[in-house]
Each structure stands twice: as C-alpha cells, then as structure tokens.
Amino acid sequence: MKYSNPRTEAVVEDWPHGRKRVTARFFVETNSRGSRVGRVTTGKPKYTTYHKHMVIVDGDDGRIYPVGVTSSGQVCVWDGTLKTNNYLYNGEDYQGLLSMMTPNEEA
C-alpha cells in the first residue's frame, strides 16, 4: 500500500452510514495527552486512541487512513471506521509513513 497527502483535516462526501450516505469529517486533535483523530458523521465524534503524532493520509486504494506514531516509535495505521488498526515495525510502508509523521524542522 502506498500512502500520500498527509494532513490534519479531511472531508469525505458520500460516506456510508447505515442505509444512507452522509458527509464524514476527519480531524486531528492535539492536547497535553498527545494527538488523536476524530470522525464526525451525524452525531458525536468517534476517536482513535492517543499517539505522539497523528496525520490523515490517502491510500492508493482511494480510502482515508488515520496514521499515528506511538511514543515507542511504532507506526499505527487505522481504518476509516476507527475500529481497527495495524502496527508497522519495518519495511517501505513504515519508513514512508514515519517520514510523514515527523514534524518539519525547517523554517
């Protein structure tokens, strides 16, 4: 899987919600506990767990993925429903996602 377009907000039109389609808004929330991604469709937001850094990326399959890096350096890729995640420890996906998670030190 190839990931691209790291960002802190995303809007998905035509998100499945039961028998209807709605607009889903994804956002990164940061506070003293860390960063997490939230998704709002029609009611209360649903959240991932906290991570050291988080972004929202596009997968080459056309889907959105919240991605976080833990305090121990593991990269965690969530699905768009925010129900399941996978941890990556090495490989091309790991290095590419880790570079997207590192705050840009240039300025």
PDB file of N, CA and C in Angstrom:
ATOM      1  N   MET A   1       0.852  -1.181   0.000  1.00  0.00           N
ATOM      2  CA  MET A   1       0.000   0.000   0.000  1.00  0.00           C
ATOM      3  C   MET A   1       0.892   1.236   0.000  1.00  0.00           C
ATOM      4  N   LYS A   2       0.535   2.196  -0.796  1.00  0.00           N
ATOM      5  CA  LYS A   2       1.243   3.478  -0.835  1.00  0.00           C
ATOM      6  C   LYS A   2       0.342   4.539  -0.210  1.00  0.00           C
ATOM      7  N   TYR A   3       0.946   5.390   0.599  1.00  0.00           N
ATOM      8  CA  TYR A   3       0.209   6.448   1.283  1.00  0.00           C
ATOM      9  C   TYR A   3       0.732   7.801   0.825  1.00  0.00           C
ATOM     10  N   SER A   4      -0.157   8.792   0.794  1.00  0.00           N
ATOM     11  CA  SER A   4       0.243  10.133   0.358  1.00  0.00           C
ATOM     12  C   SER A   4      -0.669  11.178   0.995  1.00  0.00           C
ATOM     13  N   ASN A   5      -0.332  12.425   0.757  1.00  0.00           N
ATOM     14  CA  ASN A   5      -1.160  13.574   1.139  1.00  0.00           C
ATOM     15  C   ASN A   5      -1.425  13.657   2.650  1.00  0.00           C
ATOM     16  N   PRO A   6      -0.370  13.716   3.488  1.00  0.00           N
ATOM     17  CA  PRO A   6      -0.605  13.849   4.933  1.00  0.00           C
ATOM     18  C   PRO A   6      -1.215  15.206   5.264  1.00  0.00           C
ATOM     19  N   ARG A   7      -2.216  15.188   6.132  1.00  0.00           N
ATOM     20  CA  ARG A   7      -2.892  16.433   6.503  1.00  0.00           C
ATOM     21  C   ARG A   7      -3.588  16.257   7.840  1.00  0.00           C
ATOM     22  N   THR A   8      -4.139  17.352   8.371  1.00  0.00           N
ATOM     23  CA  THR A   8      -4.791  17.307   9.675  1.00  0.00           C
ATOM     24  C   THR A   8      -6.314  17.333   9.575  1.00  0.00           C
ATOM     25  N   GLU A   9      -6.859  17.533   8.383  1.00  0.00           N
ATOM     26  CA  GLU A   9      -8.314  17.521   8.192  1.00  0.00           C
ATOM     27  C   GLU A   9      -8.654  16.904   6.848  1.00  0.00           C
ATOM     28  N   ALA A  10      -9.791  16.257   6.782  1.00  0.00           N
ATOM     29  CA  ALA A  10     -10.282  15.690   5.522  1.00  0.00           C
ATOM     30  C   ALA A  10     -11.794  15.584   5.584  1.00  0.00           C
ATOM     31  N   VAL A  11     -12.428  15.787   4.447  1.00  0.00           N
ATOM     32  CA  VAL A  11     -13.875  15.641   4.337  1.00  0.00           C
ATOM     33  C   VAL A  11     -14.161  14.603   3.260  1.00  0.00           C
ATOM     34  N   VAL A  12     -15.007  13.638   3.592  1.00  0.00           N
ATOM     35  CA  VAL A  12     -15.388  12.596   2.646  1.00  0.00           C
ATOM     36  C   VAL A  12     -16.885  12.701   2.394  1.00  0.00           C
ATOM     37  N   GLU A  13     -17.235  13.015   1.168  1.00  0.00           N
ATOM     38  CA  GLU A  13     -18.646  13.043   0.785  1.00  0.00           C
ATOM     39  C   GLU A  13     -19.092  11.609   0.534  1.00  0.00           C
ATOM     40  N   ASP A  14     -20.346  11.343   0.665  1.00  0.00           N
ATOM     41  CA  ASP A  14     -20.911  10.042   0.324  1.00  0.00           C
ATOM     42  C   ASP A  14     -20.358   8.915   1.201  1.00  0.00           C
ATOM     43  N   TRP A  15     -20.180   9.177   2.502  1.00  0.00           N
ATOM     44  CA  TRP A  15     -19.707   8.171   3.455  1.00  0.00           C
ATOM     45  C   TRP A  15     -20.880   7.271   3.834  1.00  0.00           C
ATOM     46  N   PRO A  16     -20.714   5.938   3.805  1.00  0.00           N
ATOM     47  CA  PRO A  16     -21.831   5.061   4.152  1.00  0.00           C
ATOM     48  C   PRO A  16     -22.197   5.161   5.634  1.00  0.00           C
ATOM     49  N   HIS A  17     -23.475   5.315   5.896  1.00  0.00           N
ATOM     50  CA  HIS A  17     -23.976   5.413   7.271  1.00  0.00           C
ATOM     51  C   HIS A  17     -25.319   4.692   7.309  1.00  0.00           C
ATOM     52  N   GLY A  18     -25.261   3.399   7.619  1.00  0.00           N
ATOM     53  CA  GLY A  18     -26.489   2.601   7.572  1.00  0.00           C
ATOM     54  C   GLY A  18     -26.970   2.491   6.138  1.00  0.00           C
ATOM     55  N   ARG A  19     -28.225   2.818   5.921  1.00  0.00           N
ATOM     56  CA  ARG A  19     -28.793   2.744   4.565  1.00  0.00           C
ATOM     57  C   ARG A  19     -28.655   4.045   3.793  1.00  0.00           C
ATOM     58  N   LYS A  20     -28.085   5.065   4.420  1.00  0.00           N
ATOM     59  CA  LYS A  20     -27.951   6.340   3.724  1.00  0.00           C
ATOM     60  C   LYS A  20     -26.479   6.718   3.588  1.00  0.00           C
ATOM     61  N   ARG A  21     -26.227   7.781   2.880  1.00  0.00           N
ATOM     62  CA  ARG A  21     -24.876   8.326   2.691  1.00  0.00           C
ATOM     63  C   ARG A  21     -24.834   9.713   3.329  1.00  0.00           C
ATOM     64  N   VAL A  22     -23.740   9.983   4.038  1.00  0.00           N
ATOM     65  CA  VAL A  22     -23.581  11.256   4.741  1.00  0.00           C
ATOM     66  C   VAL A  22     -22.187  11.810   4.451  1.00  0.00           C
ATOM     67  N   THR A  23     -21.923  12.996   4.962  1.00  0.00           N
ATOM     68  CA  THR A  23     -20.594  13.580   4.880  1.00  0.00           C
ATOM     69  C   THR A  23     -19.848  13.253   6.165  1.00  0.00           C
ATOM     70  N   ALA A  24     -18.626  12.755   6.030  1.00  0.00           N
ATOM     71  CA  ALA A  24     -17.771  12.453   7.192  1.00  0.00           C
ATOM     72  C   ALA A  24     -16.630  13.453   7.226  1.00  0.00           C
ATOM     73  N   ARG A  25     -16.393  14.025   8.399  1.00  0.00           N
ATOM     74  CA  ARG A  25     -15.287  14.971   8.581  1.00  0.00           C
ATOM     75  C   ARG A  25     -14.281  14.348   9.539  1.00  0.00           C
ATOM     76  N   PHE A  26     -13.034  14.211   9.085  1.00  0.00           N
ATOM     77  CA  PHE A  26     -11.936  13.704   9.898  1.00  0.00           C
ATOM     78  C   PHE A  26     -11.074  14.881  10.329  1.00  0.00           C
ATOM     79  N   PHE A  27     -10.554  14.830  11.550  1.00  0.00           N
ATOM     80  CA  PHE A  27      -9.711  15.918  12.048  1.00  0.00           C
ATOM     81  C   PHE A  27      -8.731  15.378  13.085  1.00  0.00           C
ATOM     82  N   VAL A  28      -7.576  16.047  13.197  1.00  0.00           N
ATOM     83  CA  VAL A  28      -6.582  15.699  14.208  1.00  0.00           C
ATOM     84  C   VAL A  28      -6.766  16.649  15.380  1.00  0.00           C
ATOM     85  N   GLU A  29      -6.852  16.101  16.568  1.00  0.00           N
ATOM     86  CA  GLU A  29      -6.995  16.872  17.801  1.00  0.00           C
ATOM     87  C   GLU A  29      -5.733  16.652  18.634  1.00  0.00           C
ATOM     88  N   THR A  30      -5.119  17.730  19.081  1.00  0.00           N
ATOM     89  CA  THR A  30      -3.895  17.637  19.868  1.00  0.00           C
ATOM     90  C   THR A  30      -4.086  18.367  21.193  1.00  0.00           C
ATOM     91  N   ASN A  31      -3.670  17.704  22.276  1.00  0.00           N
ATOM     92  CA  ASN A  31      -3.707  18.333  23.592  1.00  0.00           C
ATOM     93  C   ASN A  31      -2.539  17.796  24.412  1.00  0.00           C
ATOM     94  N   SER A  32      -2.557  17.979  25.704  1.00  0.00           N
ATOM     95  CA  SER A  32      -1.434  17.568  26.556  1.00  0.00           C
ATOM     96  C   SER A  32      -1.215  16.056  26.568  1.00  0.00           C
ATOM     97  N   ARG A  33      -2.226  15.281  26.213  1.00  0.00           N
ATOM     98  CA  ARG A  33      -2.095  13.815  26.192  1.00  0.00           C
ATOM     99  C   ARG A  33      -1.484  13.300  24.895  1.00  0.00           C
ATOM    100  N   GLY A  34      -1.474  14.121  23.836  1.00  0.00           N
ATOM    101  CA  GLY A  34      -0.951  13.724  22.537  1.00  0.00           C
ATOM    102  C   GLY A  34      -1.926  14.101  21.436  1.00  0.00           C
ATOM    103  N   SER A  35      -1.884  13.346  20.344  1.00  0.00           N
ATOM    104  CA  SER A  35      -2.759  13.593  19.200  1.00  0.00           C
ATOM    105  C   SER A  35      -3.660  12.391  18.967  1.00  0.00           C
ATOM    106  N   ARG A  36      -4.859  12.663  18.488  1.00  0.00           N
ATOM    107  CA  ARG A  36      -5.769  11.604  18.091  1.00  0.00           C
ATOM    108  C   ARG A  36      -6.604  12.112  16.930  1.00  0.00           C
ATOM    109  N   VAL A  37      -7.170  11.186  16.169  1.00  0.00           N
ATOM    110  CA  VAL A  37      -8.024  11.547  15.040  1.00  0.00           C
ATOM    111  C   VAL A  37      -9.473  11.297  15.429  1.00  0.00           C
ATOM    112  N   GLY A  38     -10.319  12.247  15.064  1.00  0.00           N
ATOM    113  CA  GLY A  38     -11.749  12.122  15.271  1.00  0.00           C
ATOM    114  C   GLY A  38     -12.477  12.092  13.941  1.00  0.00           C
ATOM    115  N   ARG A  39     -13.649  11.467  13.950  1.00  0.00           N
ATOM    116  CA  ARG A  39     -14.502  11.440  12.769  1.00  0.00           C
ATOM    117  C   ARG A  39     -15.920  11.778  13.205  1.00  0.00           C
ATOM    118  N   VAL A  40     -16.528  12.727  12.511  1.00  0.00           N
ATOM    119  CA  VAL A  40     -17.908  13.114  12.784  1.00  0.00           C
ATOM    120  C   VAL A  40     -18.731  12.832  11.535  1.00  0.00           C
ATOM    121  N   THR A  41     -19.852  12.146  11.722  1.00  0.00           N
ATOM    122  CA  THR A  41     -20.784  11.948  10.616  1.00  0.00           C
ATOM    123  C   THR A  41     -22.086  12.667  10.938  1.00  0.00           C
ATOM    124  N   THR A  42     -22.903  12.097  11.812  1.00  0.00           N
ATOM    125  CA  THR A  42     -24.199  12.711  12.113  1.00  0.00           C
ATOM    126  C   THR A  42     -24.379  13.082  13.577  1.00  0.00           C
ATOM    127  N   GLY A  43     -23.480  12.678  14.428  1.00  0.00           N
ATOM    128  CA  GLY A  43     -23.665  12.936  15.851  1.00  0.00           C
ATOM    129  C   GLY A  43     -22.352  13.223  16.545  1.00  0.00           C
ATOM    130  N   LYS A  44     -22.144  12.527  17.672  1.00  0.00           N
ATOM    131  CA  LYS A  44     -20.936  12.690  18.458  1.00  0.00           C
ATOM    132  C   LYS A  44     -19.720  12.182  17.696  1.00  0.00           C
ATOM    133  N   PRO A  45     -18.557  12.820  17.889  1.00  0.00           N
ATOM    134  CA  PRO A  45     -17.346  12.330  17.220  1.00  0.00           C
ATOM    135  C   PRO A  45     -16.898  10.983  17.784  1.00  0.00           C
ATOM    136  N   LYS A  46     -16.275  10.201  16.934  1.00  0.00           N
ATOM    137  CA  LYS A  46     -15.628   8.951  17.332  1.00  0.00           C
ATOM    138  C   LYS A  46     -14.125   9.198  17.215  1.00  0.00           C
ATOM    139  N   TYR A  47     -13.330   8.669  18.175  1.00  0.00           N
ATOM    140  CA  TYR A  47     -11.900   8.977  18.228  1.00  0.00           C
ATOM    141  C   TYR A  47     -11.032   7.726  18.236  1.00  0.00           C
ATOM    142  N   THR A  48      -9.801   7.884  17.750  1.00  0.00           N
ATOM    143  CA  THR A  48      -8.767   6.876  17.931  1.00  0.00           C
ATOM    144  C   THR A  48      -8.189   7.047  19.334  1.00  0.00           C
ATOM    145  N   THR A  49      -7.263   6.183  19.702  1.00  0.00           N
ATOM    146  CA  THR A  49      -6.518   6.389  20.933  1.00  0.00           C
ATOM    147  C   THR A  49      -5.454   7.461  20.687  1.00  0.00           C
ATOM    148  N   TYR A  50      -4.830   7.929  21.764  1.00  0.00           N
ATOM    149  CA  TYR A  50      -3.804   8.969  21.642  1.00  0.00           C
ATOM    150  C   TYR A  50      -2.482   8.390  21.145  1.00  0.00           C
ATOM    151  N   HIS A  51      -1.784   9.184  20.355  1.00  0.00           N
ATOM    152  CA  HIS A  51      -0.467   8.855  19.829  1.00  0.00           C
ATOM    153  C   HIS A  51       0.430  10.083  19.986  1.00  0.00           C
ATOM    154  N   LYS A  52       1.726   9.888  19.767  1.00  0.00           N
ATOM    155  CA  LYS A  52       2.675  11.004  19.848  1.00  0.00           C
ATOM    156  C   LYS A  52       2.386  12.037  18.755  1.00  0.00           C
ATOM    157  N   HIS A  53       2.198  11.571  17.531  1.00  0.00           N
ATOM    158  CA  HIS A  53       1.826  12.419  16.386  1.00  0.00           C
ATOM    159  C   HIS A  53       0.798  11.662  15.570  1.00  0.00           C
ATOM    160  N   MET A  54      -0.102  12.386  14.908  1.00  0.00           N
ATOM    161  CA  MET A  54      -1.073  11.760  14.009  1.00  0.00           C
ATOM    162  C   MET A  54      -1.302  12.635  12.793  1.00  0.00           C
ATOM    163  N   VAL A  55      -1.576  11.989  11.668  1.00  0.00           N
ATOM    164  CA  VAL A  55      -1.993  12.659  10.439  1.00  0.00           C
ATOM    165  C   VAL A  55      -3.052  11.802   9.773  1.00  0.00           C
ATOM    166  N   ILE A  56      -3.683  12.371   8.767  1.00  0.00           N
ATOM    167  CA  ILE A  56      -4.652  11.663   7.948  1.00  0.00           C
ATOM    168  C   ILE A  56      -4.025  11.562   6.561  1.00  0.00           C
ATOM    169  N   VAL A  57      -3.998  10.349   5.991  1.00  0.00           N
ATOM    170  CA  VAL A  57      -3.372  10.146   4.687  1.00  0.00           C
ATOM    171  C   VAL A  57      -4.350   9.461   3.734  1.00  0.00           C
ATOM    172  N   ASP A  58      -4.025   9.541   2.448  1.00  0.00           N
ATOM    173  CA  ASP A  58      -4.773   8.821   1.426  1.00  0.00           C
ATOM    174  C   ASP A  58      -4.024   7.546   1.083  1.00  0.00           C
ATOM    175  N   GLY A  59      -4.738   6.441   0.963  1.00  0.00           N
ATOM    176  CA  GLY A  59      -4.149   5.195   0.500  1.00  0.00           C
ATOM    177  C   GLY A  59      -4.318   5.081  -1.004  1.00  0.00           C
ATOM    178  N   ASP A  60      -3.485   4.269  -1.635  1.00  0.00           N
ATOM    179  CA  ASP A  60      -3.603   4.110  -3.081  1.00  0.00           C
ATOM    180  C   ASP A  60      -4.848   3.323  -3.478  1.00  0.00           C
ATOM    181  N   ASP A  61      -5.627   2.868  -2.497  1.00  0.00           N
ATOM    182  CA  ASP A  61      -6.900   2.209  -2.768  1.00  0.00           C
ATOM    183  C   ASP A  61      -8.073   3.192  -2.755  1.00  0.00           C
ATOM    184  N   GLY A  62      -7.771   4.503  -2.618  1.00  0.00           N
ATOM    185  CA  GLY A  62      -8.811   5.526  -2.636  1.00  0.00           C
ATOM    186  C   GLY A  62      -9.461   5.780  -1.286  1.00  0.00           C
ATOM    187  N   ARG A  63      -8.954   5.168  -0.224  1.00  0.00           N
ATOM    188  CA  ARG A  63      -9.526   5.346   1.115  1.00  0.00           C
ATOM    189  C   ARG A  63      -8.655   6.259   1.972  1.00  0.00           C
ATOM    190  N   ILE A  64      -9.264   6.758   3.048  1.00  0.00           N
ATOM    191  CA  ILE A  64      -8.557   7.611   4.012  1.00  0.00           C
ATOM    192  C   ILE A  64      -8.115   6.760   5.189  1.00  0.00           C
ATOM    193  N   TYR A  65      -6.897   7.035   5.681  1.00  0.00           N
ATOM    194  CA  TYR A  65      -6.348   6.301   6.817  1.00  0.00           C
ATOM    195  C   TYR A  65      -5.764   7.256   7.844  1.00  0.00           C
ATOM    196  N   PRO A  66      -6.239   7.241   9.080  1.00  0.00           N
ATOM    197  CA  PRO A  66      -5.545   7.940  10.159  1.00  0.00           C
ATOM    198  C   PRO A  66      -4.278   7.154  10.504  1.00  0.00           C
ATOM    199  N   VAL A  67      -3.170   7.857  10.673  1.00  0.00           N
ATOM    200  CA  VAL A  67      -1.890   7.223  10.968  1.00  0.00           C
ATOM    201  C   VAL A  67      -1.263   7.927  12.159  1.00  0.00           C
ATOM    202  N   GLY A  68      -0.756   7.140  13.101  1.00  0.00           N
ATOM    203  CA  GLY A  68      -0.111   7.714  14.278  1.00  0.00           C
ATOM    204  C   GLY A  68       1.214   7.048  14.556  1.00  0.00           C
ATOM    205  N   VAL A  69       2.081   7.751  15.260  1.00  0.00           N
ATOM    206  CA  VAL A  69       3.330   7.161  15.729  1.00  0.00           C
ATOM    207  C   VAL A  69       3.264   7.158  17.253  1.00  0.00           C
ATOM    208  N   THR A  70       3.561   6.005  17.839  1.00  0.00           N
ATOM    209  CA  THR A  70       3.490   5.858  19.288  1.00  0.00           C
ATOM    210  C   THR A  70       4.750   6.415  19.939  1.00  0.00           C
ATOM    211  N   SER A  71       4.736   6.543  21.249  1.00  0.00           N
ATOM    212  CA  SER A  71       5.905   7.048  21.969  1.00  0.00           C
ATOM    213  C   SER A  71       7.101   6.109  21.830  1.00  0.00           C
ATOM    214  N   SER A  72       6.856   4.830  21.497  1.00  0.00           N
ATOM    215  CA  SER A  72       7.964   3.886  21.304  1.00  0.00           C
ATOM    216  C   SER A  72       8.420   3.805  19.849  1.00  0.00           C
ATOM    217  N   GLY A  73       7.825   4.628  18.967  1.00  0.00           N
ATOM    218  CA  GLY A  73       8.263   4.681  17.578  1.00  0.00           C
ATOM    219  C   GLY A  73       7.540   3.754  16.632  1.00  0.00           C
ATOM    220  N   GLN A  74       6.512   3.051  17.097  1.00  0.00           N
ATOM    221  CA  GLN A  74       5.730   2.199  16.210  1.00  0.00           C
ATOM    222  C   GLN A  74       4.763   3.059  15.406  1.00  0.00           C
ATOM    223  N   VAL A  75       4.524   2.679  14.157  1.00  0.00           N
ATOM    224  CA  VAL A  75       3.558   3.381  13.323  1.00  0.00           C
ATOM    225  C   VAL A  75       2.263   2.583  13.327  1.00  0.00           C
ATOM    226  N   CYS A  76       1.168   3.262  13.600  1.00  0.00           N
ATOM    227  CA  CYS A  76      -0.143   2.637  13.709  1.00  0.00           C
ATOM    228  C   CYS A  76      -1.045   3.185  12.600  1.00  0.00           C
ATOM    229  N   VAL A  77      -1.579   2.303  11.764  1.00  0.00           N
ATOM    230  CA  VAL A  77      -2.482   2.682  10.682  1.00  0.00           C
ATOM    231  C   VAL A  77      -3.883   2.217  11.041  1.00  0.00           C
ATOM    232  N   TRP A  78      -4.824   3.152  11.138  1.00  0.00           N
ATOM    233  CA  TRP A  78      -6.216   2.861  11.458  1.00  0.00           C
ATOM    234  C   TRP A  78      -7.024   2.762  10.177  1.00  0.00           C
ATOM    235  N   ASP A  79      -8.132   2.038  10.213  1.00  0.00           N
ATOM    236  CA  ASP A  79      -9.053   2.083   9.081  1.00  0.00           C
ATOM    237  C   ASP A  79      -9.964   3.300   9.251  1.00  0.00           C
ATOM    238  N   GLY A  80     -10.694   3.647   8.221  1.00  0.00           N
ATOM    239  CA  GLY A  80     -11.536   4.840   8.262  1.00  0.00           C
ATOM    240  C   GLY A  80     -12.668   4.786   9.261  1.00  0.00           C
ATOM    241  N   THR A  81     -13.050   3.579   9.688  1.00  0.00           N
ATOM    242  CA  THR A  81     -14.122   3.458  10.671  1.00  0.00           C
ATOM    243  C   THR A  81     -13.611   3.729  12.087  1.00  0.00           C
ATOM    244  N   LEU A  82     -12.295   3.775  12.260  1.00  0.00           N
ATOM    245  CA  LEU A  82     -11.610   3.980  13.545  1.00  0.00           C
ATOM    246  C   LEU A  82     -11.831   2.808  14.497  1.00  0.00           C
ATOM    247  N   LYS A  83     -12.199   1.637  13.970  1.00  0.00           N
ATOM    248  CA  LYS A  83     -12.430   0.463  14.806  1.00  0.00           C
ATOM    249  C   LYS A  83     -11.214  -0.445  14.906  1.00  0.00           C
ATOM    250  N   THR A  84     -10.431  -0.563  13.834  1.00  0.00           N
ATOM    251  CA  THR A  84      -9.281  -1.476  13.844  1.00  0.00           C
ATOM    252  C   THR A  84      -8.014  -0.752  13.405  1.00  0.00           C
ATOM    253  N   ASN A  85      -6.880  -1.291  13.859  1.00  0.00           N
ATOM    254  CA  ASN A  85      -5.598  -0.716  13.468  1.00  0.00           C
ATOM    255  C   ASN A  85      -4.561  -1.810  13.305  1.00  0.00           C
ATOM    256  N   ASN A  86      -3.498  -1.474  12.604  1.00  0.00           N
ATOM    257  CA  ASN A  86      -2.368  -2.369  12.407  1.00  0.00           C
ATOM    258  C   ASN A  86      -1.096  -1.615  12.737  1.00  0.00           C
ATOM    259  N   TYR A  87      -0.177  -2.276  13.406  1.00  0.00           N
ATOM    260  CA  TYR A  87       1.107  -1.673  13.727  1.00  0.00           C
ATOM    261  C   TYR A  87       2.146  -2.117  12.719  1.00  0.00           C
ATOM    262  N   LEU A  88       2.929  -1.166  12.219  1.00  0.00           N
ATOM    263  CA  LEU A  88       4.012  -1.455  11.292  1.00  0.00           C
ATOM    264  C   LEU A  88       5.326  -1.263  12.020  1.00  0.00           C
ATOM    265  N   TYR A  89       6.253  -2.174  11.825  1.00  0.00           N
ATOM    266  CA  TYR A  89       7.531  -2.127  12.527  1.00  0.00           C
ATOM    267  C   TYR A  89       8.704  -1.866  11.601  1.00  0.00           C
ATOM    268  N   ASN A  90       8.578  -2.210  10.332  1.00  0.00           N
ATOM    269  CA  ASN A  90       9.677  -2.002   9.398  1.00  0.00           C
ATOM    270  C   ASN A  90       9.137  -2.073   7.977  1.00  0.00           C
ATOM    271  N   GLY A  91      10.030  -1.931   7.011  1.00  0.00           N
ATOM    272  CA  GLY A  91       9.630  -2.009   5.609  1.00  0.00           C
ATOM    273  C   GLY A  91       9.389  -0.654   5.001  1.00  0.00           C
ATOM    274  N   GLU A  92       9.076  -0.672   3.730  1.00  0.00           N
ATOM    275  CA  GLU A  92       8.891   0.566   2.968  1.00  0.00           C
ATOM    276  C   GLU A  92       7.724   1.390   3.497  1.00  0.00           C
ATOM    277  N   ASP A  93       6.592   0.739   3.795  1.00  0.00           N
ATOM    278  CA  ASP A  93       5.440   1.467   4.327  1.00  0.00           C
ATOM    279  C   ASP A  93       5.795   2.159   5.635  1.00  0.00           C
ATOM    280  N   TYR A  94       6.515   1.453   6.508  1.00  0.00           N
ATOM    281  CA  TYR A  94       6.899   2.010   7.802  1.00  0.00           C
ATOM    282  C   TYR A  94       7.745   3.268   7.622  1.00  0.00           C
ATOM    283  N   GLN A  95       8.788   3.187   6.803  1.00  0.00           N
ATOM    284  CA  GLN A  95       9.685   4.330   6.612  1.00  0.00           C
ATOM    285  C   GLN A  95       8.949   5.510   5.973  1.00  0.00           C
ATOM    286  N   GLY A  96       8.115   5.238   4.976  1.00  0.00           N
ATOM    287  CA  GLY A  96       7.374   6.307   4.315  1.00  0.00           C
ATOM    288  C   GLY A  96       6.404   7.000   5.255  1.00  0.00           C
ATOM    289  N   LEU A  97       5.674   6.216   6.031  1.00  0.00           N
ATOM    290  CA  LEU A  97       4.722   6.804   6.982  1.00  0.00           C
ATOM    291  C   LEU A  97       5.435   7.532   8.105  1.00  0.00           C
ATOM    292  N   LEU A  98       6.541   6.982   8.583  1.00  0.00           N
ATOM    293  CA  LEU A  98       7.294   7.631   9.655  1.00  0.00           C
ATOM    294  C   LEU A  98       7.804   8.999   9.198  1.00  0.00           C
ATOM    295  N   SER A  99       8.240   9.098   7.947  1.00  0.00           N
ATOM    296  CA  SER A  99       8.708  10.394   7.447  1.00  0.00           C
ATOM    297  C   SER A  99       7.566  11.403   7.349  1.00  0.00           C
ATOM    298  N   MET A 100       6.339  10.940   7.089  1.00  0.00           N
ATOM    299  CA  MET A 100       5.174  11.837   7.060  1.00  0.00           C
ATOM    300  C   MET A 100       4.806  12.309   8.464  1.00  0.00           C
ATOM    301  N   MET A 101       5.132  11.504   9.473  1.00  0.00           N
ATOM    302  CA  MET A 101       4.758  11.813  10.848  1.00  0.00           C
ATOM    303  C   MET A 101       5.718  12.779  11.518  1.00  0.00           C
ATOM    304  N   THR A 102       6.940  12.865  11.014  1.00  0.00           N
ATOM    305  CA  THR A 102       7.959  13.696  11.647  1.00  0.00           C
ATOM    306  C   THR A 102       7.674  15.156  11.338  1.00  0.00           C
ATOM    307  N   PRO A 103       7.502  15.985  12.346  1.00  0.00           N
ATOM    308  CA  PRO A 103       7.265  17.402  12.096  1.00  0.00           C
ATOM    309  C   PRO A 103       8.435  18.007  11.331  1.00  0.00           C
ATOM    310  N   ASN A 104       8.112  18.870  10.401  1.00  0.00           N
ATOM    311  CA  ASN A 104       9.126  19.517   9.583  1.00  0.00           C
ATOM    312  C   ASN A 104       9.937  20.484  10.435  1.00  0.00           C
ATOM    313  N   GLU A 105      11.225  20.231  10.541  1.00  0.00           N
ATOM    314  CA  GLU A 105      12.109  21.058  11.375  1.00  0.00           C
ATOM    315  C   GLU A 105      12.593  22.305  10.628  1.00  0.00           C
ATOM    316  N   GLU A 106      12.379  22.361   9.302  1.00  0.00           N
ATOM    317  CA  GLU A 106      12.852  23.503   8.534  1.00  0.00           C
ATOM    318  C   GLU A 106      11.893  24.674   8.720  1.00  0.00           C
ATOM    319  N   ALA A 107      12.473  25.853   8.830  1.00  0.00           N
ATOM    320  CA  ALA A 107      11.635  27.063   8.882  1.00  0.00           C
ATOM    321  C   ALA A 107      12.512  28.274   8.968  1.00  0.00           C
TER     322      ALA A 107
END
